């Protein structure tokens, strides 16, 4: 086979695989912004995120979290179960206009919540993965709109970089948060 034939074959394989992945992300959401975020995760090889989403049959939607509870008004997202036992990641609709990279990090974080009641270990892992994916996805030549989400992601990456085996700063931040102390029953 000559170079031209090889290139045509490669192009055909790529074209054929793109629609199948598009259909695949349809399993998780109908929202274009969420699907764009999922495509970014796929591009960086976030197989663990997709395995978590599949394992739990998760659907992802934007939602006004204050409708769940007024105390959730400023949360970035929650992982929840509806009355029929279906799992959902509800991304705060306040962040609908965030970049696909930022939305992808929220999804990555929430995908690591598998337990009915989160533990400090699960929350730490989810937050570390959020930081890891922001490190992979953030485009350093792109101007991101200032937001609480952007500040969070940048801060998490810095905490992760400054951590070591004996001093996990992300875990410390979670342990010292009044919200997580209540949610995770940390004493």
N, C-alpha and C. Protein backbone atom coordinates (compact mmCIF):
# COMPACT_ATOMS: atom_id res chain seq x y z
N UNK A 1 0.85 -1.17 0.00
CA UNK A 1 0.00 0.00 0.00
C UNK A 1 0.90 1.23 0.00
N UNK A 2 0.56 2.19 -0.85
CA UNK A 2 1.35 3.42 -0.91
C UNK A 2 0.92 4.41 0.17
N UNK A 3 1.65 5.51 0.29
CA UNK A 3 1.37 6.53 1.31
C UNK A 3 -0.04 7.09 1.14
N UNK A 4 -0.43 7.36 -0.09
CA UNK A 4 -1.76 7.93 -0.35
C UNK A 4 -2.84 6.97 0.13
N UNK A 5 -2.69 5.70 -0.14
CA UNK A 5 -3.66 4.71 0.30
C UNK A 5 -3.71 4.60 1.82
N UNK A 6 -2.55 4.68 2.46
CA UNK A 6 -2.47 4.63 3.91
C UNK A 6 -3.16 5.85 4.54
N UNK A 7 -2.95 7.03 3.95
CA UNK A 7 -3.59 8.24 4.46
C UNK A 7 -5.11 8.18 4.29
N UNK A 8 -5.57 7.66 3.17
CA UNK A 8 -7.01 7.53 2.94
C UNK A 8 -7.61 6.55 3.94
N UNK A 9 -6.92 5.45 4.18
CA UNK A 9 -7.41 4.47 5.15
C UNK A 9 -7.47 5.09 6.55
N UNK A 10 -6.43 5.82 6.93
CA UNK A 10 -6.40 6.47 8.23
C UNK A 10 -7.55 7.47 8.36
N UNK A 11 -7.76 8.28 7.32
CA UNK A 11 -8.84 9.27 7.33
C UNK A 11 -10.20 8.59 7.47
N UNK A 12 -10.40 7.48 6.80
CA UNK A 12 -11.68 6.76 6.88
C UNK A 12 -11.90 6.21 8.29
N UNK A 13 -10.85 5.67 8.89
CA UNK A 13 -10.96 5.15 10.26
C UNK A 13 -11.33 6.28 11.21
N UNK A 14 -10.69 7.42 11.07
CA UNK A 14 -10.97 8.56 11.94
C UNK A 14 -12.39 9.05 11.75
N UNK A 15 -12.84 9.17 10.53
CA UNK A 15 -14.20 9.63 10.26
C UNK A 15 -15.24 8.67 10.79
N UNK A 16 -14.95 7.40 10.70
CA UNK A 16 -15.90 6.40 11.18
C UNK A 16 -15.95 6.36 12.70
N UNK A 17 -14.84 6.62 13.36
CA UNK A 17 -14.83 6.54 14.82
C UNK A 17 -15.45 7.78 15.46
N UNK A 18 -15.41 8.92 14.79
CA UNK A 18 -15.97 10.15 15.38
C UNK A 18 -17.47 10.04 15.61
N UNK A 19 -18.26 9.60 14.64
CA UNK A 19 -19.69 9.49 14.92
C UNK A 19 -20.00 8.49 16.03
N UNK A 20 -19.22 7.42 16.13
CA UNK A 20 -19.49 6.45 17.18
C UNK A 20 -19.22 7.06 18.56
N UNK A 21 -18.18 7.90 18.69
CA UNK A 21 -17.95 8.54 19.97
C UNK A 21 -19.04 9.56 20.26
N UNK A 22 -19.48 10.27 19.21
CA UNK A 22 -20.58 11.24 19.40
C UNK A 22 -21.82 10.52 19.91
N UNK A 23 -22.11 9.36 19.37
CA UNK A 23 -23.25 8.59 19.85
C UNK A 23 -23.00 8.12 21.29
N UNK A 24 -21.76 7.82 21.59
CA UNK A 24 -21.38 7.36 22.93
C UNK A 24 -21.64 8.45 23.97
N UNK A 25 -21.24 9.69 23.69
CA UNK A 25 -21.46 10.76 24.67
C UNK A 25 -22.94 11.07 24.82
N UNK A 26 -23.74 10.74 23.81
CA UNK A 26 -25.19 10.90 23.93
C UNK A 26 -25.76 10.05 25.06
N UNK A 27 -25.05 9.00 25.45
CA UNK A 27 -25.49 8.15 26.56
C UNK A 27 -25.49 8.92 27.88
N UNK A 28 -24.67 9.95 27.96
CA UNK A 28 -24.49 10.67 29.23
C UNK A 28 -25.24 12.00 29.28
N UNK A 29 -25.46 12.62 28.13
CA UNK A 29 -26.13 13.93 28.14
C UNK A 29 -26.65 14.27 26.75
N UNK A 30 -27.65 15.13 26.74
CA UNK A 30 -28.15 15.68 25.48
C UNK A 30 -27.67 17.11 25.27
N UNK A 31 -27.06 17.68 26.29
CA UNK A 31 -26.61 19.08 26.24
C UNK A 31 -25.30 19.19 25.47
N UNK A 32 -25.26 20.08 24.48
CA UNK A 32 -24.07 20.25 23.64
C UNK A 32 -22.84 20.69 24.43
N UNK A 33 -23.02 21.56 25.42
CA UNK A 33 -21.87 22.02 26.21
C UNK A 33 -21.28 20.88 27.02
N UNK A 34 -22.12 20.04 27.55
CA UNK A 34 -21.64 18.88 28.31
C UNK A 34 -20.98 17.88 27.37
N UNK A 35 -21.57 17.67 26.21
CA UNK A 35 -20.97 16.75 25.24
C UNK A 35 -19.59 17.25 24.78
N UNK A 36 -19.46 18.56 24.59
CA UNK A 36 -18.15 19.12 24.22
C UNK A 36 -17.11 18.86 25.32
N UNK A 37 -17.53 18.98 26.56
CA UNK A 37 -16.64 18.71 27.68
C UNK A 37 -16.24 17.23 27.70
N UNK A 38 -17.20 16.36 27.43
CA UNK A 38 -16.90 14.92 27.40
C UNK A 38 -15.93 14.57 26.28
N UNK A 39 -16.07 15.24 25.14
CA UNK A 39 -15.15 15.01 24.02
C UNK A 39 -13.73 15.40 24.44
N UNK A 40 -13.58 16.51 25.16
CA UNK A 40 -12.26 16.92 25.64
C UNK A 40 -11.67 15.86 26.57
N UNK A 41 -12.51 15.33 27.45
CA UNK A 41 -12.03 14.28 28.35
C UNK A 41 -11.59 13.04 27.57
N UNK A 42 -12.33 12.73 26.54
CA UNK A 42 -11.97 11.58 25.71
C UNK A 42 -10.63 11.82 25.03
N UNK A 43 -10.41 13.03 24.58
CA UNK A 43 -9.17 13.37 23.87
C UNK A 43 -7.93 13.25 24.75
N UNK A 44 -8.08 13.45 26.06
CA UNK A 44 -6.92 13.32 26.95
C UNK A 44 -6.86 11.93 27.58
N UNK A 45 -7.70 11.02 27.09
CA UNK A 45 -7.65 9.64 27.58
C UNK A 45 -8.19 9.44 28.97
N UNK A 46 -9.26 10.15 29.31
CA UNK A 46 -9.86 10.05 30.64
C UNK A 46 -10.74 8.81 30.75
N UNK A 47 -10.17 7.67 30.45
CA UNK A 47 -10.94 6.42 30.47
C UNK A 47 -11.57 6.15 31.82
N UNK A 48 -10.86 6.50 32.89
CA UNK A 48 -11.39 6.26 34.23
C UNK A 48 -12.67 7.05 34.48
N UNK A 49 -12.76 8.24 33.93
CA UNK A 49 -13.98 9.04 34.07
C UNK A 49 -15.14 8.34 33.37
N UNK A 50 -14.90 7.88 32.15
CA UNK A 50 -15.97 7.21 31.40
C UNK A 50 -16.35 5.87 32.03
N UNK A 51 -15.39 5.16 32.58
CA UNK A 51 -15.70 3.91 33.28
C UNK A 51 -16.59 4.19 34.48
N UNK A 52 -16.29 5.26 35.22
CA UNK A 52 -17.11 5.63 36.38
C UNK A 52 -18.52 6.02 35.95
N UNK A 53 -18.63 6.79 34.88
CA UNK A 53 -19.94 7.21 34.40
C UNK A 53 -20.76 6.01 33.93
N UNK A 54 -20.12 5.11 33.20
CA UNK A 54 -20.81 3.90 32.72
C UNK A 54 -21.22 3.00 33.87
N UNK A 55 -20.31 2.79 34.79
CA UNK A 55 -20.55 1.90 35.93
C UNK A 55 -21.80 2.31 36.69
N UNK A 56 -21.99 3.60 36.84
CA UNK A 56 -23.12 4.11 37.60
C UNK A 56 -24.29 4.55 36.72
N UNK A 57 -24.18 4.37 35.39
CA UNK A 57 -25.27 4.77 34.50
C UNK A 57 -25.64 6.23 34.65
N UNK A 58 -24.65 7.08 34.76
CA UNK A 58 -24.86 8.50 35.08
C UNK A 58 -25.34 9.30 33.87
N UNK A 59 -26.28 10.19 34.12
CA UNK A 59 -26.70 11.20 33.16
C UNK A 59 -26.23 12.54 33.71
N UNK A 60 -25.84 13.44 32.81
CA UNK A 60 -25.30 14.74 33.23
C UNK A 60 -26.15 15.85 32.65
N UNK A 61 -26.59 16.77 33.51
CA UNK A 61 -27.41 17.90 33.07
C UNK A 61 -27.01 19.16 33.83
N UNK A 62 -27.28 20.30 33.22
CA UNK A 62 -27.18 21.57 33.94
C UNK A 62 -28.48 21.73 34.72
N UNK A 63 -28.35 22.25 35.94
CA UNK A 63 -29.52 22.35 36.80
C UNK A 63 -29.32 23.49 37.79
N UNK A 64 -30.39 24.20 38.09
CA UNK A 64 -30.35 25.24 39.11
C UNK A 64 -30.32 24.55 40.47
N UNK A 65 -29.14 24.45 41.06
CA UNK A 65 -28.99 23.68 42.30
C UNK A 65 -29.74 24.28 43.48
N UNK A 66 -30.12 25.54 43.40
CA UNK A 66 -30.92 26.11 44.48
C UNK A 66 -32.32 25.48 44.51
N UNK A 67 -32.71 24.82 43.42
CA UNK A 67 -33.98 24.10 43.38
C UNK A 67 -33.91 22.80 44.18
N UNK A 68 -32.70 22.27 44.34
CA UNK A 68 -32.50 21.08 45.17
C UNK A 68 -32.53 21.49 46.63
N UNK A 69 -31.73 22.50 46.93
CA UNK A 69 -31.66 23.06 48.28
C UNK A 69 -31.03 24.44 48.15
N UNK A 70 -31.57 25.39 48.87
CA UNK A 70 -31.01 26.74 48.82
C UNK A 70 -29.54 26.73 49.21
N UNK A 71 -29.16 25.81 50.09
CA UNK A 71 -27.76 25.73 50.53
C UNK A 71 -26.82 25.27 49.41
N UNK A 72 -27.37 24.72 48.33
CA UNK A 72 -26.55 24.27 47.19
C UNK A 72 -26.41 25.34 46.11
N UNK A 73 -26.96 26.51 46.34
CA UNK A 73 -26.99 27.56 45.33
C UNK A 73 -25.61 27.86 44.74
N UNK A 74 -24.56 27.80 45.54
CA UNK A 74 -23.23 28.16 45.06
C UNK A 74 -22.32 26.95 44.82
N UNK A 75 -22.86 25.75 44.92
CA UNK A 75 -22.07 24.55 44.64
C UNK A 75 -21.81 24.48 43.14
N UNK A 76 -20.74 23.82 42.77
CA UNK A 76 -20.40 23.67 41.36
C UNK A 76 -21.22 22.55 40.73
N UNK A 77 -21.43 21.48 41.47
CA UNK A 77 -22.20 20.34 40.97
C UNK A 77 -22.51 19.41 42.14
N UNK A 78 -23.46 18.53 41.92
CA UNK A 78 -23.72 17.47 42.89
C UNK A 78 -23.96 16.17 42.14
N UNK A 79 -23.69 15.09 42.80
CA UNK A 79 -23.93 13.75 42.29
C UNK A 79 -25.11 13.23 43.09
N UNK A 80 -26.19 12.87 42.42
CA UNK A 80 -27.40 12.52 43.15
C UNK A 80 -28.13 11.36 42.48
N UNK A 81 -29.15 10.87 43.15
CA UNK A 81 -29.98 9.78 42.66
C UNK A 81 -31.43 10.26 42.69
N UNK A 82 -32.17 10.02 41.60
CA UNK A 82 -33.57 10.43 41.60
C UNK A 82 -34.43 9.37 42.27
N UNK A 83 -35.73 9.61 42.34
CA UNK A 83 -36.63 8.70 43.05
C UNK A 83 -36.75 7.34 42.38
N UNK A 84 -36.27 7.20 41.15
CA UNK A 84 -36.29 5.92 40.45
C UNK A 84 -34.95 5.19 40.54
N UNK A 85 -34.00 5.77 41.25
CA UNK A 85 -32.69 5.16 41.40
C UNK A 85 -31.70 5.51 40.30
N UNK A 86 -32.06 6.45 39.43
CA UNK A 86 -31.15 6.87 38.35
C UNK A 86 -30.14 7.87 38.88
N UNK A 87 -28.86 7.68 38.50
CA UNK A 87 -27.79 8.57 38.96
C UNK A 87 -27.67 9.77 38.02
N UNK A 88 -27.45 10.92 38.61
CA UNK A 88 -27.28 12.17 37.86
C UNK A 88 -26.13 12.97 38.42
N UNK A 89 -25.42 13.63 37.52
CA UNK A 89 -24.54 14.71 37.90
C UNK A 89 -25.27 15.97 37.49
N UNK A 90 -25.57 16.80 38.49
CA UNK A 90 -26.24 18.07 38.24
C UNK A 90 -25.18 19.15 38.32
N UNK A 91 -24.84 19.72 37.17
CA UNK A 91 -23.87 20.81 37.11
C UNK A 91 -24.63 22.11 37.30
N UNK A 92 -24.17 22.93 38.20
CA UNK A 92 -24.86 24.19 38.48
C UNK A 92 -25.03 24.99 37.19
N UNK A 93 -26.27 25.37 36.90
CA UNK A 93 -26.56 26.11 35.67
C UNK A 93 -25.84 27.46 35.64
N UNK A 94 -25.34 27.94 36.78
CA UNK A 94 -24.55 29.18 36.81
C UNK A 94 -23.29 29.04 35.95
N UNK A 95 -22.86 27.79 35.72
CA UNK A 95 -21.62 27.56 34.99
C UNK A 95 -21.84 27.07 33.56
N UNK A 96 -23.04 27.25 33.06
CA UNK A 96 -23.37 26.82 31.70
C UNK A 96 -22.47 27.51 30.67
N UNK A 97 -22.09 28.74 30.91
CA UNK A 97 -21.27 29.48 29.96
C UNK A 97 -19.77 29.34 30.23
N UNK A 98 -19.40 28.44 31.12
CA UNK A 98 -17.98 28.18 31.37
C UNK A 98 -17.39 27.47 30.17
N UNK A 99 -16.08 27.46 30.12
CA UNK A 99 -15.40 26.79 29.02
C UNK A 99 -15.62 25.27 29.11
N UNK A 100 -15.52 24.59 27.97
CA UNK A 100 -15.64 23.13 28.00
C UNK A 100 -14.58 22.48 28.91
N UNK A 101 -13.40 23.09 28.99
CA UNK A 101 -12.35 22.56 29.85
C UNK A 101 -12.77 22.60 31.33
N UNK A 102 -13.38 23.70 31.74
CA UNK A 102 -13.82 23.83 33.13
C UNK A 102 -14.96 22.86 33.43
N UNK A 103 -15.91 22.77 32.51
CA UNK A 103 -17.04 21.84 32.69
C UNK A 103 -16.53 20.40 32.76
N UNK A 104 -15.55 20.07 31.94
CA UNK A 104 -14.98 18.72 31.95
C UNK A 104 -14.41 18.39 33.33
N UNK A 105 -13.78 19.36 33.97
CA UNK A 105 -13.19 19.11 35.29
C UNK A 105 -14.26 18.87 36.35
N UNK A 106 -15.37 19.59 36.25
CA UNK A 106 -16.49 19.35 37.16
C UNK A 106 -17.00 17.92 36.98
N UNK A 107 -17.18 17.51 35.72
CA UNK A 107 -17.67 16.17 35.42
C UNK A 107 -16.68 15.12 35.94
N UNK A 108 -15.40 15.35 35.70
CA UNK A 108 -14.39 14.40 36.17
C UNK A 108 -14.49 14.23 37.69
N UNK A 109 -14.55 15.35 38.40
CA UNK A 109 -14.67 15.30 39.86
C UNK A 109 -15.88 14.46 40.27
N UNK A 110 -17.03 14.82 39.75
CA UNK A 110 -18.27 14.15 40.17
C UNK A 110 -18.31 12.68 39.78
N UNK A 111 -17.61 12.32 38.70
CA UNK A 111 -17.62 10.92 38.27
C UNK A 111 -16.96 10.00 39.30
N UNK A 112 -16.11 10.55 40.15
CA UNK A 112 -15.43 9.73 41.16
C UNK A 112 -16.25 9.54 42.43
N UNK A 113 -17.43 10.15 42.48
CA UNK A 113 -18.33 9.91 43.62
C UNK A 113 -19.18 8.69 43.31
N UNK A 114 -18.89 7.61 44.01
CA UNK A 114 -19.60 6.35 43.78
C UNK A 114 -20.42 5.91 44.98
N UNK A 115 -20.02 6.34 46.16
CA UNK A 115 -20.67 5.91 47.39
C UNK A 115 -21.94 6.73 47.63
N UNK A 116 -22.89 6.15 48.36
CA UNK A 116 -24.10 6.90 48.69
C UNK A 116 -23.77 8.07 49.61
N UNK A 117 -22.82 7.87 50.49
CA UNK A 117 -22.34 8.94 51.36
C UNK A 117 -20.83 9.02 51.16
N UNK A 118 -20.37 10.19 50.73
CA UNK A 118 -18.95 10.37 50.44
C UNK A 118 -18.11 10.25 51.70
N UNK A 119 -16.90 9.81 51.50
CA UNK A 119 -15.90 9.75 52.58
C UNK A 119 -14.82 10.79 52.28
N UNK A 120 -13.97 11.03 53.27
CA UNK A 120 -12.86 11.96 53.06
C UNK A 120 -11.94 11.43 51.96
N UNK A 121 -11.77 10.12 51.90
CA UNK A 121 -10.91 9.52 50.88
C UNK A 121 -11.50 9.74 49.49
N UNK A 122 -12.82 9.51 49.36
CA UNK A 122 -13.46 9.68 48.06
C UNK A 122 -13.44 11.14 47.63
N UNK A 123 -13.72 12.04 48.54
CA UNK A 123 -13.72 13.47 48.21
C UNK A 123 -12.31 13.95 47.84
N UNK A 124 -11.32 13.45 48.53
CA UNK A 124 -9.93 13.81 48.21
C UNK A 124 -9.56 13.31 46.83
N UNK A 125 -9.87 12.05 46.53
CA UNK A 125 -9.57 11.50 45.21
C UNK A 125 -10.28 12.29 44.11
N UNK A 126 -11.56 12.57 44.29
CA UNK A 126 -12.33 13.31 43.28
C UNK A 126 -11.72 14.69 43.05
N UNK A 127 -11.30 15.35 44.11
CA UNK A 127 -10.74 16.69 44.00
C UNK A 127 -9.35 16.65 43.37
N UNK A 128 -8.56 15.63 43.69
CA UNK A 128 -7.25 15.48 43.05
C UNK A 128 -7.41 15.22 41.55
N UNK A 129 -8.40 14.43 41.18
CA UNK A 129 -8.64 14.16 39.76
C UNK A 129 -9.11 15.43 39.05
N UNK A 130 -9.90 16.23 39.72
CA UNK A 130 -10.34 17.51 39.16
C UNK A 130 -9.12 18.38 38.85
N UNK A 131 -8.19 18.45 39.79
CA UNK A 131 -6.96 19.22 39.59
C UNK A 131 -6.12 18.63 38.46
N UNK A 132 -6.01 17.32 38.43
CA UNK A 132 -5.22 16.66 37.40
C UNK A 132 -5.77 16.97 36.00
N UNK A 133 -7.10 16.87 35.85
CA UNK A 133 -7.68 17.13 34.54
C UNK A 133 -7.58 18.60 34.16
N UNK A 134 -7.64 19.50 35.13
CA UNK A 134 -7.44 20.92 34.80
C UNK A 134 -6.02 21.14 34.30
N UNK A 135 -5.06 20.47 34.91
CA UNK A 135 -3.66 20.57 34.45
C UNK A 135 -3.52 20.08 33.01
N UNK A 136 -4.27 19.04 32.67
CA UNK A 136 -4.20 18.48 31.32
C UNK A 136 -4.98 19.31 30.29
N UNK A 137 -6.10 19.87 30.71
CA UNK A 137 -7.02 20.50 29.76
C UNK A 137 -6.83 22.01 29.59
N UNK A 138 -6.33 22.67 30.61
CA UNK A 138 -6.22 24.13 30.55
C UNK A 138 -5.31 24.54 29.41
N UNK A 139 -5.80 25.42 28.58
CA UNK A 139 -5.01 25.95 27.46
C UNK A 139 -4.35 27.23 27.95
N UNK A 140 -3.04 27.21 28.00
CA UNK A 140 -2.32 28.34 28.59
C UNK A 140 -2.31 29.58 27.70
N UNK A 141 -2.70 29.43 26.45
CA UNK A 141 -2.79 30.59 25.56
C UNK A 141 -4.22 31.10 25.45
N UNK A 142 -5.13 30.57 26.26
CA UNK A 142 -6.54 30.95 26.22
C UNK A 142 -6.87 31.84 27.41
N UNK A 143 -7.67 32.85 27.16
CA UNK A 143 -8.14 33.75 28.22
C UNK A 143 -9.47 33.20 28.75
N UNK A 144 -9.48 32.75 29.98
CA UNK A 144 -10.70 32.22 30.60
C UNK A 144 -11.41 33.34 31.35
N UNK A 145 -12.74 33.32 31.29
CA UNK A 145 -13.53 34.33 32.01
C UNK A 145 -13.36 34.13 33.51
N UNK A 146 -13.09 35.21 34.24
CA UNK A 146 -12.94 35.08 35.69
C UNK A 146 -14.24 34.54 36.31
N UNK A 147 -14.09 33.58 37.20
CA UNK A 147 -15.25 33.00 37.89
C UNK A 147 -14.77 32.26 39.12
N UNK A 148 -15.72 31.93 39.98
CA UNK A 148 -15.39 31.13 41.16
C UNK A 148 -14.84 29.77 40.74
N UNK A 149 -15.36 29.23 39.64
CA UNK A 149 -14.89 27.93 39.16
C UNK A 149 -13.44 28.01 38.69
N UNK A 150 -13.11 29.02 37.93
CA UNK A 150 -11.73 29.19 37.46
C UNK A 150 -10.78 29.34 38.65
N UNK A 151 -11.16 30.15 39.62
CA UNK A 151 -10.32 30.33 40.82
C UNK A 151 -10.14 29.01 41.55
N UNK A 152 -11.21 28.24 41.68
CA UNK A 152 -11.14 26.95 42.35
C UNK A 152 -10.15 26.04 41.63
N UNK A 153 -10.30 25.92 40.31
CA UNK A 153 -9.46 25.00 39.55
C UNK A 153 -7.99 25.39 39.64
N UNK A 154 -7.70 26.67 39.46
CA UNK A 154 -6.31 27.12 39.57
C UNK A 154 -5.75 26.86 40.97
N UNK A 155 -6.57 27.10 41.99
CA UNK A 155 -6.14 26.88 43.37
C UNK A 155 -5.88 25.39 43.62
N UNK A 156 -6.75 24.53 43.11
CA UNK A 156 -6.57 23.09 43.32
C UNK A 156 -5.28 22.58 42.67
N UNK A 157 -4.99 23.08 41.48
CA UNK A 157 -3.75 22.68 40.81
C UNK A 157 -2.55 23.10 41.65
N UNK A 158 -2.59 24.29 42.19
CA UNK A 158 -1.47 24.77 43.02
C UNK A 158 -1.35 23.93 44.29
N UNK A 159 -2.47 23.64 44.93
CA UNK A 159 -2.42 22.80 46.13
C UNK A 159 -1.85 21.42 45.81
N UNK A 160 -2.27 20.86 44.68
CA UNK A 160 -1.78 19.54 44.28
C UNK A 160 -0.28 19.57 44.01
N UNK A 161 0.18 20.62 43.35
CA UNK A 161 1.63 20.76 43.08
C UNK A 161 2.44 20.92 44.37
N UNK A 162 1.88 21.63 45.33
CA UNK A 162 2.58 21.90 46.58
C UNK A 162 2.49 20.74 47.58
N UNK A 163 1.68 19.75 47.27
CA UNK A 163 1.52 18.59 48.15
C UNK A 163 2.68 17.62 47.97
N UNK A 164 2.85 16.77 48.97
CA UNK A 164 3.80 15.66 48.85
C UNK A 164 3.21 14.45 49.57
N UNK A 165 3.93 13.36 49.59
CA UNK A 165 3.41 12.12 50.16
C UNK A 165 3.03 12.27 51.63
N UNK A 166 3.70 13.15 52.35
CA UNK A 166 3.43 13.33 53.78
C UNK A 166 2.51 14.50 54.08
N UNK A 167 2.17 15.29 53.06
CA UNK A 167 1.40 16.50 53.30
C UNK A 167 0.48 16.76 52.11
N UNK A 168 -0.71 16.16 52.14
CA UNK A 168 -1.68 16.32 51.06
C UNK A 168 -2.52 17.57 51.35
N UNK A 169 -2.22 18.65 50.65
CA UNK A 169 -2.89 19.92 50.91
C UNK A 169 -4.35 19.91 50.48
N UNK A 170 -4.68 19.12 49.48
CA UNK A 170 -6.10 19.02 49.07
C UNK A 170 -6.89 18.34 50.18
N UNK A 171 -6.37 17.26 50.71
CA UNK A 171 -7.05 16.58 51.83
C UNK A 171 -7.19 17.52 53.02
N UNK A 172 -6.14 18.29 53.32
CA UNK A 172 -6.20 19.24 54.44
C UNK A 172 -7.29 20.28 54.20
N UNK A 173 -7.37 20.78 52.98
CA UNK A 173 -8.39 21.79 52.66
C UNK A 173 -9.78 21.22 52.87
N UNK A 174 -10.00 19.99 52.42
CA UNK A 174 -11.30 19.35 52.60
C UNK A 174 -11.58 19.15 54.09
N UNK A 175 -10.60 18.64 54.81
CA UNK A 175 -10.76 18.38 56.25
C UNK A 175 -11.06 19.66 57.04
N UNK A 176 -10.54 20.78 56.58
CA UNK A 176 -10.74 22.05 57.30
C UNK A 176 -11.97 22.82 56.84
N UNK A 177 -12.66 22.35 55.83
CA UNK A 177 -13.85 23.03 55.32
C UNK A 177 -15.05 22.71 56.21
N UNK A 178 -15.75 23.74 56.66
CA UNK A 178 -16.93 23.51 57.50
C UNK A 178 -18.00 22.71 56.75
N UNK A 179 -18.13 22.95 55.45
CA UNK A 179 -19.10 22.19 54.66
C UNK A 179 -18.77 20.70 54.68
N UNK A 180 -17.53 20.37 54.36
CA UNK A 180 -17.14 18.96 54.31
C UNK A 180 -17.10 18.34 55.70
N UNK A 181 -16.75 19.11 56.71
CA UNK A 181 -16.76 18.57 58.08
C UNK A 181 -18.16 18.09 58.41
N UNK A 182 -19.17 18.83 58.00
CA UNK A 182 -20.55 18.44 58.27
C UNK A 182 -20.97 17.29 57.36
N UNK A 183 -20.70 17.40 56.06
CA UNK A 183 -21.11 16.40 55.08
C UNK A 183 -20.44 15.04 55.31
N UNK A 184 -19.18 15.06 55.66
CA UNK A 184 -18.41 13.82 55.78
C UNK A 184 -18.28 13.36 57.24
N UNK A 185 -18.94 14.08 58.13
CA UNK A 185 -18.90 13.75 59.55
C UNK A 185 -17.45 13.66 60.06
N UNK A 186 -16.66 14.66 59.69
CA UNK A 186 -15.26 14.73 60.13
C UNK A 186 -15.25 15.39 61.52
N UNK A 187 -14.53 14.79 62.42
CA UNK A 187 -14.45 15.35 63.78
C UNK A 187 -13.07 15.88 64.05
